[in-house]
Amino acid sequence: MGDVYKALADPTRRALLDELHERDGQTLFELCGRLITRHGLGSTRQAVSQHLDVLERAGLVTTRREGRTKLHFLDASPLRAAVDRWLTDPEERA
């Protein structure tokens, strides 16, 4: 779970997750454009790619190749453990 917290600690990574939540299955090019236009984050493609790698290692982003195109998808399931740990009644977890 530590990787999830590390991944969420960075505002650029949170913005990437927000963009994938709004519209899943985006390319690196699309995500870079949305970060610039919607969040004012002018990160390089390499920097955005590194952020996506951190999110993928944490299990928050999955990818799929379609030809030469790599699509990115949000996977919020790793967040369920944190929600279950702190936001549910302990009696419900038993």
PDB file of N, CA and C in Angstrom:
ATOM      1  N   MET A   1       0.822  -1.197   0.000  1.00  0.00           N
ATOM      2  CA  MET A   1       0.000   0.000   0.000  1.00  0.00           C
ATOM      3  C   MET A   1       0.863   1.256   0.000  1.00  0.00           C
ATOM      4  N   GLY A   2       2.123   1.147   0.423  1.00  0.00           N
ATOM      5  CA  GLY A   2       3.007   2.302   0.439  1.00  0.00           C
ATOM      6  C   GLY A   2       3.194   2.921  -0.926  1.00  0.00           C
ATOM      7  N   ASP A   3       3.231   2.076  -1.966  1.00  0.00           N
ATOM      8  CA  ASP A   3       3.377   2.592  -3.326  1.00  0.00           C
ATOM      9  C   ASP A   3       2.178   3.441  -3.729  1.00  0.00           C
ATOM     10  N   VAL A   4       0.999   3.069  -3.247  1.00  0.00           N
ATOM     11  CA  VAL A   4      -0.205   3.828  -3.566  1.00  0.00           C
ATOM     12  C   VAL A   4      -0.109   5.219  -2.955  1.00  0.00           C
ATOM     13  N   TYR A   5       0.321   5.290  -1.698  1.00  0.00           N
ATOM     14  CA  TYR A   5       0.449   6.594  -1.048  1.00  0.00           C
ATOM     15  C   TYR A   5       1.514   7.448  -1.721  1.00  0.00           C
ATOM     16  N   LYS A   6       2.634   6.834  -2.099  1.00  0.00           N
ATOM     17  CA  LYS A   6       3.681   7.571  -2.810  1.00  0.00           C
ATOM     18  C   LYS A   6       3.143   8.102  -4.134  1.00  0.00           C
ATOM     19  N   ALA A   7       2.384   7.268  -4.827  1.00  0.00           N
ATOM     20  CA  ALA A   7       1.832   7.681  -6.123  1.00  0.00           C
ATOM     21  C   ALA A   7       0.858   8.845  -5.961  1.00  0.00           C
ATOM     22  N   LEU A   8       0.075   8.831  -4.904  1.00  0.00           N
ATOM     23  CA  LEU A   8      -0.921   9.887  -4.683  1.00  0.00           C
ATOM     24  C   LEU A   8      -0.314  11.165  -4.106  1.00  0.00           C
ATOM     25  N   ALA A   9       0.920  11.099  -3.631  1.00  0.00           N
ATOM     26  CA  ALA A   9       1.542  12.252  -2.979  1.00  0.00           C
ATOM     27  C   ALA A   9       1.858  13.390  -3.944  1.00  0.00           C
ATOM     28  N   ASP A  10       1.991  13.084  -5.219  1.00  0.00           N
ATOM     29  CA  ASP A  10       2.399  14.097  -6.194  1.00  0.00           C
ATOM     30  C   ASP A  10       1.190  14.705  -6.896  1.00  0.00           C
ATOM     31  N   PRO A  11       1.107  16.037  -6.967  1.00  0.00           N
ATOM     32  CA  PRO A  11      -0.048  16.674  -7.603  1.00  0.00           C
ATOM     33  C   PRO A  11      -0.184  16.366  -9.099  1.00  0.00           C
ATOM     34  N   THR A  12       0.926  16.179  -9.792  1.00  0.00           N
ATOM     35  CA  THR A  12       0.843  15.842 -11.215  1.00  0.00           C
ATOM     36  C   THR A  12       0.226  14.458 -11.388  1.00  0.00           C
ATOM     37  N   ARG A  13       0.617  13.520 -10.548  1.00  0.00           N
ATOM     38  CA  ARG A  13       0.038  12.176 -10.641  1.00  0.00           C
ATOM     39  C   ARG A  13      -1.448  12.187 -10.286  1.00  0.00           C
ATOM     40  N   ARG A  14      -1.828  12.996  -9.310  1.00  0.00           N
ATOM     41  CA  ARG A  14      -3.252  13.107  -8.985  1.00  0.00           C
ATOM     42  C   ARG A  14      -4.018  13.703 -10.164  1.00  0.00           C
ATOM     43  N   ALA A  15      -3.428  14.675 -10.847  1.00  0.00           N
ATOM     44  CA  ALA A  15      -4.075  15.270 -12.028  1.00  0.00           C
ATOM     45  C   ALA A  15      -4.212  14.225 -13.138  1.00  0.00           C
ATOM     46  N   LEU A  16      -3.208  13.386 -13.319  1.00  0.00           N
ATOM     47  CA  LEU A  16      -3.303  12.317 -14.319  1.00  0.00           C
ATOM     48  C   LEU A  16      -4.437  11.355 -13.976  1.00  0.00           C
ATOM     49  N   LEU A  17      -4.561  11.002 -12.707  1.00  0.00           N
ATOM     50  CA  LEU A  17      -5.651  10.117 -12.295  1.00  0.00           C
ATOM     51  C   LEU A  17      -7.002  10.789 -12.517  1.00  0.00           C
ATOM     52  N   ASP A  18      -7.081  12.083 -12.234  1.00  0.00           N
ATOM     53  CA  ASP A  18      -8.332  12.815 -12.489  1.00  0.00           C
ATOM     54  C   ASP A  18      -8.700  12.767 -13.963  1.00  0.00           C
ATOM     55  N   GLU A  19      -7.710  12.952 -14.819  1.00  0.00           N
ATOM     56  CA  GLU A  19      -7.972  12.935 -16.262  1.00  0.00           C
ATOM     57  C   GLU A  19      -8.404  11.547 -16.730  1.00  0.00           C
ATOM     58  N   LEU A  20      -7.795  10.509 -16.190  1.00  0.00           N
ATOM     59  CA  LEU A  20      -8.195   9.157 -16.573  1.00  0.00           C
ATOM     60  C   LEU A  20      -9.558   8.797 -15.991  1.00  0.00           C
ATOM     61  N   HIS A  21      -9.876   9.366 -14.847  1.00  0.00           N
ATOM     62  CA  HIS A  21     -11.214   9.135 -14.277  1.00  0.00           C
ATOM     63  C   HIS A  21     -12.283   9.761 -15.166  1.00  0.00           C
ATOM     64  N   GLU A  22     -11.963  10.946 -15.681  1.00  0.00           N
ATOM     65  CA  GLU A  22     -12.923  11.642 -16.544  1.00  0.00           C
ATOM     66  C   GLU A  22     -13.071  10.956 -17.898  1.00  0.00           C
ATOM     67  N   ARG A  23     -11.944  10.510 -18.451  1.00  0.00           N
ATOM     68  CA  ARG A  23     -11.988   9.840 -19.764  1.00  0.00           C
ATOM     69  C   ARG A  23     -10.880   8.787 -19.807  1.00  0.00           C
ATOM     70  N   ASP A  24     -11.270   7.540 -19.667  1.00  0.00           N
ATOM     71  CA  ASP A  24     -10.336   6.423 -19.631  1.00  0.00           C
ATOM     72  C   ASP A  24      -9.800   6.108 -21.022  1.00  0.00           C
ATOM     73  N   GLY A  25      -8.652   5.446 -21.082  1.00  0.00           N
ATOM     74  CA  GLY A  25      -8.110   4.974 -22.348  1.00  0.00           C
ATOM     75  C   GLY A  25      -7.420   6.050 -23.169  1.00  0.00           C
ATOM     76  N   GLN A  26      -6.625   6.899 -22.513  1.00  0.00           N
ATOM     77  CA  GLN A  26      -5.940   7.979 -23.228  1.00  0.00           C
ATOM     78  C   GLN A  26      -4.488   7.609 -23.521  1.00  0.00           C
ATOM     79  N   THR A  27      -3.968   8.208 -24.578  1.00  0.00           N
ATOM     80  CA  THR A  27      -2.560   8.045 -24.926  1.00  0.00           C
ATOM     81  C   THR A  27      -1.729   9.051 -24.138  1.00  0.00           C
ATOM     82  N   LEU A  28      -0.428   8.842 -24.162  1.00  0.00           N
ATOM     83  CA  LEU A  28       0.496   9.782 -23.518  1.00  0.00           C
ATOM     84  C   LEU A  28       0.321  11.177 -24.112  1.00  0.00           C
ATOM     85  N   PHE A  29       0.194  11.272 -25.430  1.00  0.00           N
ATOM     86  CA  PHE A  29       0.016  12.561 -26.099  1.00  0.00           C
ATOM     87  C   PHE A  29      -1.244  13.270 -25.593  1.00  0.00           C
ATOM     88  N   GLU A  30      -2.342  12.533 -25.492  1.00  0.00           N
ATOM     89  CA  GLU A  30      -3.596  13.122 -25.015  1.00  0.00           C
ATOM     90  C   GLU A  30      -3.466  13.600 -23.569  1.00  0.00           C
ATOM     91  N   LEU A  31      -2.839  12.781 -22.735  1.00  0.00           N
ATOM     92  CA  LEU A  31      -2.681  13.161 -21.326  1.00  0.00           C
ATOM     93  C   LEU A  31      -1.799  14.401 -21.178  1.00  0.00           C
ATOM     94  N   CYS A  32      -0.732  14.482 -21.956  1.00  0.00           N
ATOM     95  CA  CYS A  32       0.142  15.669 -21.909  1.00  0.00           C
ATOM     96  C   CYS A  32      -0.646  16.922 -22.290  1.00  0.00           C
ATOM     97  N   GLY A  33      -1.443  16.821 -23.333  1.00  0.00           N
ATOM     98  CA  GLY A  33      -2.256  17.959 -23.769  1.00  0.00           C
ATOM     99  C   GLY A  33      -3.257  18.387 -22.720  1.00  0.00           C
ATOM    100  N   ARG A  34      -3.902  17.421 -22.082  1.00  0.00           N
ATOM    101  CA  ARG A  34      -4.902  17.748 -21.059  1.00  0.00           C
ATOM    102  C   ARG A  34      -4.247  18.353 -19.814  1.00  0.00           C
ATOM    103  N   LEU A  35      -3.043  17.888 -19.468  1.00  0.00           N
ATOM    104  CA  LEU A  35      -2.346  18.469 -18.316  1.00  0.00           C
ATOM    105  C   LEU A  35      -2.019  19.942 -18.559  1.00  0.00           C
ATOM    106  N   ILE A  36      -1.634  20.246 -19.790  1.00  0.00           N
ATOM    107  CA  ILE A  36      -1.294  21.638 -20.125  1.00  0.00           C
ATOM    108  C   ILE A  36      -2.548  22.504 -20.152  1.00  0.00           C
ATOM    109  N   THR A  37      -3.558  22.077 -20.879  1.00  0.00           N
ATOM    110  CA  THR A  37      -4.730  22.932 -21.083  1.00  0.00           C
ATOM    111  C   THR A  37      -5.638  23.019 -19.865  1.00  0.00           C
ATOM    112  N   ARG A  38      -5.766  21.942 -19.115  1.00  0.00           N
ATOM    113  CA  ARG A  38      -6.732  21.934 -18.017  1.00  0.00           C
ATOM    114  C   ARG A  38      -6.110  22.192 -16.652  1.00  0.00           C
ATOM    115  N   HIS A  39      -4.795  21.927 -16.512  1.00  0.00           N
ATOM    116  CA  HIS A  39      -4.161  22.056 -15.203  1.00  0.00           C
ATOM    117  C   HIS A  39      -2.972  23.020 -15.208  1.00  0.00           C
ATOM    118  N   GLY A  40      -2.602  23.503 -16.374  1.00  0.00           N
ATOM    119  CA  GLY A  40      -1.467  24.418 -16.463  1.00  0.00           C
ATOM    120  C   GLY A  40      -0.138  23.756 -16.137  1.00  0.00           C
ATOM    121  N   LEU A  41      -0.056  22.434 -16.294  1.00  0.00           N
ATOM    122  CA  LEU A  41       1.171  21.694 -15.993  1.00  0.00           C
ATOM    123  C   LEU A  41       1.900  21.399 -17.291  1.00  0.00           C
ATOM    124  N   GLY A  42       2.980  22.093 -17.530  1.00  0.00           N
ATOM    125  CA  GLY A  42       3.730  21.948 -18.769  1.00  0.00           C
ATOM    126  C   GLY A  42       4.866  20.953 -18.637  1.00  0.00           C
ATOM    127  N   SER A  43       4.571  19.745 -18.180  1.00  0.00           N
ATOM    128  CA  SER A  43       5.587  18.700 -18.047  1.00  0.00           C
ATOM    129  C   SER A  43       5.967  18.145 -19.416  1.00  0.00           C
ATOM    130  N   THR A  44       7.204  17.679 -19.520  1.00  0.00           N
ATOM    131  CA  THR A  44       7.640  17.042 -20.763  1.00  0.00           C
ATOM    132  C   THR A  44       6.969  15.681 -20.894  1.00  0.00           C
ATOM    133  N   ARG A  45       6.982  15.145 -22.104  1.00  0.00           N
ATOM    134  CA  ARG A  45       6.423  13.802 -22.320  1.00  0.00           C
ATOM    135  C   ARG A  45       7.168  12.773 -21.468  1.00  0.00           C
ATOM    136  N   GLN A  46       8.476  12.947 -21.347  1.00  0.00           N
ATOM    137  CA  GLN A  46       9.272  12.017 -20.544  1.00  0.00           C
ATOM    138  C   GLN A  46       8.859  12.076 -19.079  1.00  0.00           C
ATOM    139  N   ALA A  47       8.633  13.270 -18.544  1.00  0.00           N
ATOM    140  CA  ALA A  47       8.220  13.418 -17.149  1.00  0.00           C
ATOM    141  C   ALA A  47       6.845  12.795 -16.924  1.00  0.00           C
ATOM    142  N   VAL A  48       5.915  13.036 -17.845  1.00  0.00           N
ATOM    143  CA  VAL A  48       4.572  12.454 -17.724  1.00  0.00           C
ATOM    144  C   VAL A  48       4.663  10.936 -17.812  1.00  0.00           C
ATOM    145  N   SER A  49       5.503  10.423 -18.693  1.00  0.00           N
ATOM    146  CA  SER A  49       5.696   8.984 -18.816  1.00  0.00           C
ATOM    147  C   SER A  49       6.234   8.391 -17.514  1.00  0.00           C
ATOM    148  N   GLN A  50       7.153   9.090 -16.867  1.00  0.00           N
ATOM    149  CA  GLN A  50       7.690   8.616 -15.587  1.00  0.00           C
ATOM    150  C   GLN A  50       6.613   8.630 -14.505  1.00  0.00           C
ATOM    151  N   HIS A  51       5.772   9.643 -14.497  1.00  0.00           N
ATOM    152  CA  HIS A  51       4.663   9.687 -13.542  1.00  0.00           C
ATOM    153  C   HIS A  51       3.709   8.514 -13.781  1.00  0.00           C
ATOM    154  N   LEU A  52       3.421   8.236 -15.041  1.00  0.00           N
ATOM    155  CA  LEU A  52       2.544   7.113 -15.373  1.00  0.00           C
ATOM    156  C   LEU A  52       3.159   5.787 -14.944  1.00  0.00           C
ATOM    157  N   ASP A  53       4.479   5.663 -15.043  1.00  0.00           N
ATOM    158  CA  ASP A  53       5.156   4.445 -14.588  1.00  0.00           C
ATOM    159  C   ASP A  53       4.982   4.247 -13.083  1.00  0.00           C
ATOM    160  N   VAL A  54       5.090   5.328 -12.315  1.00  0.00           N
ATOM    161  CA  VAL A  54       4.884   5.248 -10.860  1.00  0.00           C
ATOM    162  C   VAL A  54       3.453   4.798 -10.571  1.00  0.00           C
ATOM    163  N   LEU A  55       2.504   5.384 -11.283  1.00  0.00           N
ATOM    164  CA  LEU A  55       1.096   5.016 -11.089  1.00  0.00           C
ATOM    165  C   LEU A  55       0.849   3.559 -11.492  1.00  0.00           C
ATOM    166  N   GLU A  56       1.515   3.117 -12.546  1.00  0.00           N
ATOM    167  CA  GLU A  56       1.346   1.733 -12.990  1.00  0.00           C
ATOM    168  C   GLU A  56       1.947   0.759 -11.969  1.00  0.00           C
ATOM    169  N   ARG A  57       3.133   1.075 -11.437  1.00  0.00           N
ATOM    170  CA  ARG A  57       3.741   0.221 -10.419  1.00  0.00           C
ATOM    171  C   ARG A  57       2.890   0.137  -9.157  1.00  0.00           C
ATOM    172  N   ALA A  58       2.160   1.218  -8.847  1.00  0.00           N
ATOM    173  CA  ALA A  58       1.284   1.239  -7.676  1.00  0.00           C
ATOM    174  C   ALA A  58      -0.039   0.529  -7.963  1.00  0.00           C
ATOM    175  N   GLY A  59      -0.272   0.142  -9.209  1.00  0.00           N
ATOM    176  CA  GLY A  59      -1.495  -0.550  -9.573  1.00  0.00           C
ATOM    177  C   GLY A  59      -2.668   0.358  -9.850  1.00  0.00           C
ATOM    178  N   LEU A  60      -2.427   1.664  -9.934  1.00  0.00           N
ATOM    179  CA  LEU A  60      -3.499   2.628 -10.160  1.00  0.00           C
ATOM    180  C   LEU A  60      -3.780   2.876 -11.638  1.00  0.00           C
ATOM    181  N   VAL A  61      -2.845   2.493 -12.493  1.00  0.00           N
ATOM    182  CA  VAL A  61      -3.001   2.659 -13.941  1.00  0.00           C
ATOM    183  C   VAL A  61      -2.636   1.331 -14.605  1.00  0.00           C
ATOM    184  N   THR A  62      -3.448   0.928 -15.557  1.00  0.00           N
ATOM    185  CA  THR A  62      -3.125  -0.220 -16.396  1.00  0.00           C
ATOM    186  C   THR A  62      -2.989   0.283 -17.827  1.00  0.00           C
ATOM    187  N   THR A  63      -2.309  -0.503 -18.645  1.00  0.00           N
ATOM    188  CA  THR A  63      -2.104  -0.088 -20.037  1.00  0.00           C
ATOM    189  C   THR A  63      -2.499  -1.224 -20.968  1.00  0.00           C
ATOM    190  N   ARG A  64      -2.789  -0.814 -22.195  1.00  0.00           N
ATOM    191  CA  ARG A  64      -3.101  -1.772 -23.252  1.00  0.00           C
ATOM    192  C   ARG A  64      -2.549  -1.208 -24.560  1.00  0.00           C
ATOM    193  N   ARG A  65      -1.906  -2.059 -25.316  1.00  0.00           N
ATOM    194  CA  ARG A  65      -1.379  -1.645 -26.614  1.00  0.00           C
ATOM    195  C   ARG A  65      -2.376  -1.955 -27.707  1.00  0.00           C
ATOM    196  N   GLU A  66      -2.552  -0.994 -28.583  1.00  0.00           N
ATOM    197  CA  GLU A  66      -3.339  -1.176 -29.807  1.00  0.00           C
ATOM    198  C   GLU A  66      -2.442  -0.727 -30.953  1.00  0.00           C
ATOM    199  N   GLY A  67      -1.790  -1.698 -31.559  1.00  0.00           N
ATOM    200  CA  GLY A  67      -0.803  -1.366 -32.586  1.00  0.00           C
ATOM    201  C   GLY A  67       0.378  -0.669 -31.941  1.00  0.00           C
ATOM    202  N   ARG A  68       0.705   0.501 -32.440  1.00  0.00           N
ATOM    203  CA  ARG A  68       1.805   1.280 -31.881  1.00  0.00           C
ATOM    204  C   ARG A  68       1.350   2.203 -30.759  1.00  0.00           C
ATOM    205  N   THR A  69       0.059   2.215 -30.475  1.00  0.00           N
ATOM    206  CA  THR A  69      -0.511   3.121 -29.489  1.00  0.00           C
ATOM    207  C   THR A  69      -0.631   2.432 -28.139  1.00  0.00           C
ATOM    208  N   LYS A  70      -0.225   3.124 -27.088  1.00  0.00           N
ATOM    209  CA  LYS A  70      -0.350   2.618 -25.726  1.00  0.00           C
ATOM    210  C   LYS A  70      -1.431   3.437 -25.021  1.00  0.00           C
ATOM    211  N   LEU A  71      -2.474   2.754 -24.581  1.00  0.00           N
ATOM    212  CA  LEU A  71      -3.587   3.414 -23.906  1.00  0.00           C
ATOM    213  C   LEU A  71      -3.476   3.201 -22.404  1.00  0.00           C
ATOM    214  N   HIS A  72      -3.844   4.228 -21.648  1.00  0.00           N
ATOM    215  CA  HIS A  72      -3.765   4.191 -20.184  1.00  0.00           C
ATOM    216  C   HIS A  72      -5.164   4.205 -19.587  1.00  0.00           C
ATOM    217  N   PHE A  73      -5.357   3.363 -18.552  1.00  0.00           N
ATOM    218  CA  PHE A  73      -6.658   3.219 -17.913  1.00  0.00           C
ATOM    219  C   PHE A  73      -6.510   3.318 -16.399  1.00  0.00           C
ATOM    220  N   LEU A  74      -7.475   3.937 -15.768  1.00  0.00           N
ATOM    221  CA  LEU A  74      -7.516   4.045 -14.314  1.00  0.00           C
ATOM    222  C   LEU A  74      -7.977   2.721 -13.713  1.00  0.00           C
ATOM    223  N   ASP A  75      -7.282   2.289 -12.661  1.00  0.00           N
ATOM    224  CA  ASP A  75      -7.703   1.133 -11.870  1.00  0.00           C
ATOM    225  C   ASP A  75      -7.718   1.579 -10.413  1.00  0.00           C
ATOM    226  N   ALA A  76      -8.878   1.909  -9.906  1.00  0.00           N
ATOM    227  CA  ALA A  76      -8.997   2.447  -8.548  1.00  0.00           C
ATOM    228  C   ALA A  76      -9.064   1.359  -7.485  1.00  0.00           C
ATOM    229  N   SER A  77      -8.981   0.094  -7.865  1.00  0.00           N
ATOM    230  CA  SER A  77      -9.115  -0.977  -6.882  1.00  0.00           C
ATOM    231  C   SER A  77      -8.077  -0.941  -5.762  1.00  0.00           C
ATOM    232  N   PRO A  78      -6.828  -0.510  -5.992  1.00  0.00           N
ATOM    233  CA  PRO A  78      -5.887  -0.428  -4.867  1.00  0.00           C
ATOM    234  C   PRO A  78      -6.326   0.571  -3.784  1.00  0.00           C
ATOM    235  N   LEU A  79      -7.165   1.516  -4.151  1.00  0.00           N
ATOM    236  CA  LEU A  79      -7.647   2.480  -3.156  1.00  0.00           C
ATOM    237  C   LEU A  79      -8.673   1.856  -2.217  1.00  0.00           C
ATOM    238  N   ARG A  80      -9.280   0.752  -2.643  1.00  0.00           N
ATOM    239  CA  ARG A  80     -10.301   0.094  -1.830  1.00  0.00           C
ATOM    240  C   ARG A  80      -9.731  -0.321  -0.467  1.00  0.00           C
ATOM    241  N   ALA A  81      -8.492  -0.795  -0.430  1.00  0.00           N
ATOM    242  CA  ALA A  81      -7.888  -1.221   0.833  1.00  0.00           C
ATOM    243  C   ALA A  81      -7.815  -0.068   1.831  1.00  0.00           C
ATOM    244  N   ALA A  82      -7.468   1.130   1.355  1.00  0.00           N
ATOM    245  CA  ALA A  82      -7.410   2.289   2.250  1.00  0.00           C
ATOM    246  C   ALA A  82      -8.806   2.676   2.716  1.00  0.00           C
ATOM    247  N   VAL A  83      -9.753   2.626   1.817  1.00  0.00           N
ATOM    248  CA  VAL A  83     -11.136   2.956   2.180  1.00  0.00           C
ATOM    249  C   VAL A  83     -11.648   1.954   3.205  1.00  0.00           C
ATOM    250  N   ASP A  84     -11.414   0.680   2.948  1.00  0.00           N
ATOM    251  CA  ASP A  84     -11.871  -0.348   3.879  1.00  0.00           C
ATOM    252  C   ASP A  84     -11.179  -0.226   5.233  1.00  0.00           C
ATOM    253  N   ARG A  85      -9.937   0.203   5.214  1.00  0.00           N
ATOM    254  CA  ARG A  85      -9.165   0.299   6.457  1.00  0.00           C
ATOM    255  C   ARG A  85      -9.663   1.414   7.363  1.00  0.00           C
ATOM    256  N   TRP A  86      -9.995   2.576   6.781  1.00  0.00           N
ATOM    257  CA  TRP A  86     -10.297   3.734   7.620  1.00  0.00           C
ATOM    258  C   TRP A  86     -11.726   4.264   7.514  1.00  0.00           C
ATOM    259  N   LEU A  87     -12.406   3.970   6.457  1.00  0.00           N
ATOM    260  CA  LEU A  87     -13.708   4.609   6.259  1.00  0.00           C
ATOM    261  C   LEU A  87     -14.898   3.674   6.438  1.00  0.00           C
ATOM    262  N   THR A  88     -14.657   2.444   6.802  1.00  0.00           N
ATOM    263  CA  THR A  88     -15.774   1.550   7.065  1.00  0.00           C
ATOM    264  C   THR A  88     -15.785   1.207   8.542  1.00  0.00           C
ATOM    265  N   ASP A  89     -16.943   0.877   9.034  1.00  0.00           N
ATOM    266  CA  ASP A  89     -17.127   0.497  10.429  1.00  0.00           C
ATOM    267  C   ASP A  89     -16.370  -0.812  10.661  1.00  0.00           C
ATOM    268  N   PRO A  90     -15.547  -0.902  11.727  1.00  0.00           N
ATOM    269  CA  PRO A  90     -14.797  -2.135  11.981  1.00  0.00           C
ATOM    270  C   PRO A  90     -15.691  -3.371  12.064  1.00  0.00           C
ATOM    271  N   GLU A  91     -16.919  -3.220  12.505  1.00  0.00           N
ATOM    272  CA  GLU A  91     -17.820  -4.365  12.588  1.00  0.00           C
ATOM    273  C   GLU A  91     -18.242  -4.844  11.199  1.00  0.00           C
ATOM    274  N   GLU A  92     -18.280  -3.939  10.217  1.00  0.00           N
ATOM    275  CA  GLU A  92     -18.632  -4.315   8.846  1.00  0.00           C
ATOM    276  C   GLU A  92     -17.528  -5.142   8.201  1.00  0.00           C
ATOM    277  N   ARG A  93     -16.261  -4.883   8.617  1.00  0.00           N
ATOM    278  CA  ARG A  93     -15.125  -5.592   8.023  1.00  0.00           C
ATOM    279  C   ARG A  93     -15.022  -7.023   8.534  1.00  0.00           C
ATOM    280  N   ALA A  94     -15.562  -7.297   9.694  1.00  0.00           N
ATOM    281  CA  ALA A  94     -15.417  -8.629  10.315  1.00  0.00           C
ATOM    282  C   ALA A  94     -16.228  -9.674   9.637  1.00  0.00           C
TER     283      ALA A  94
END
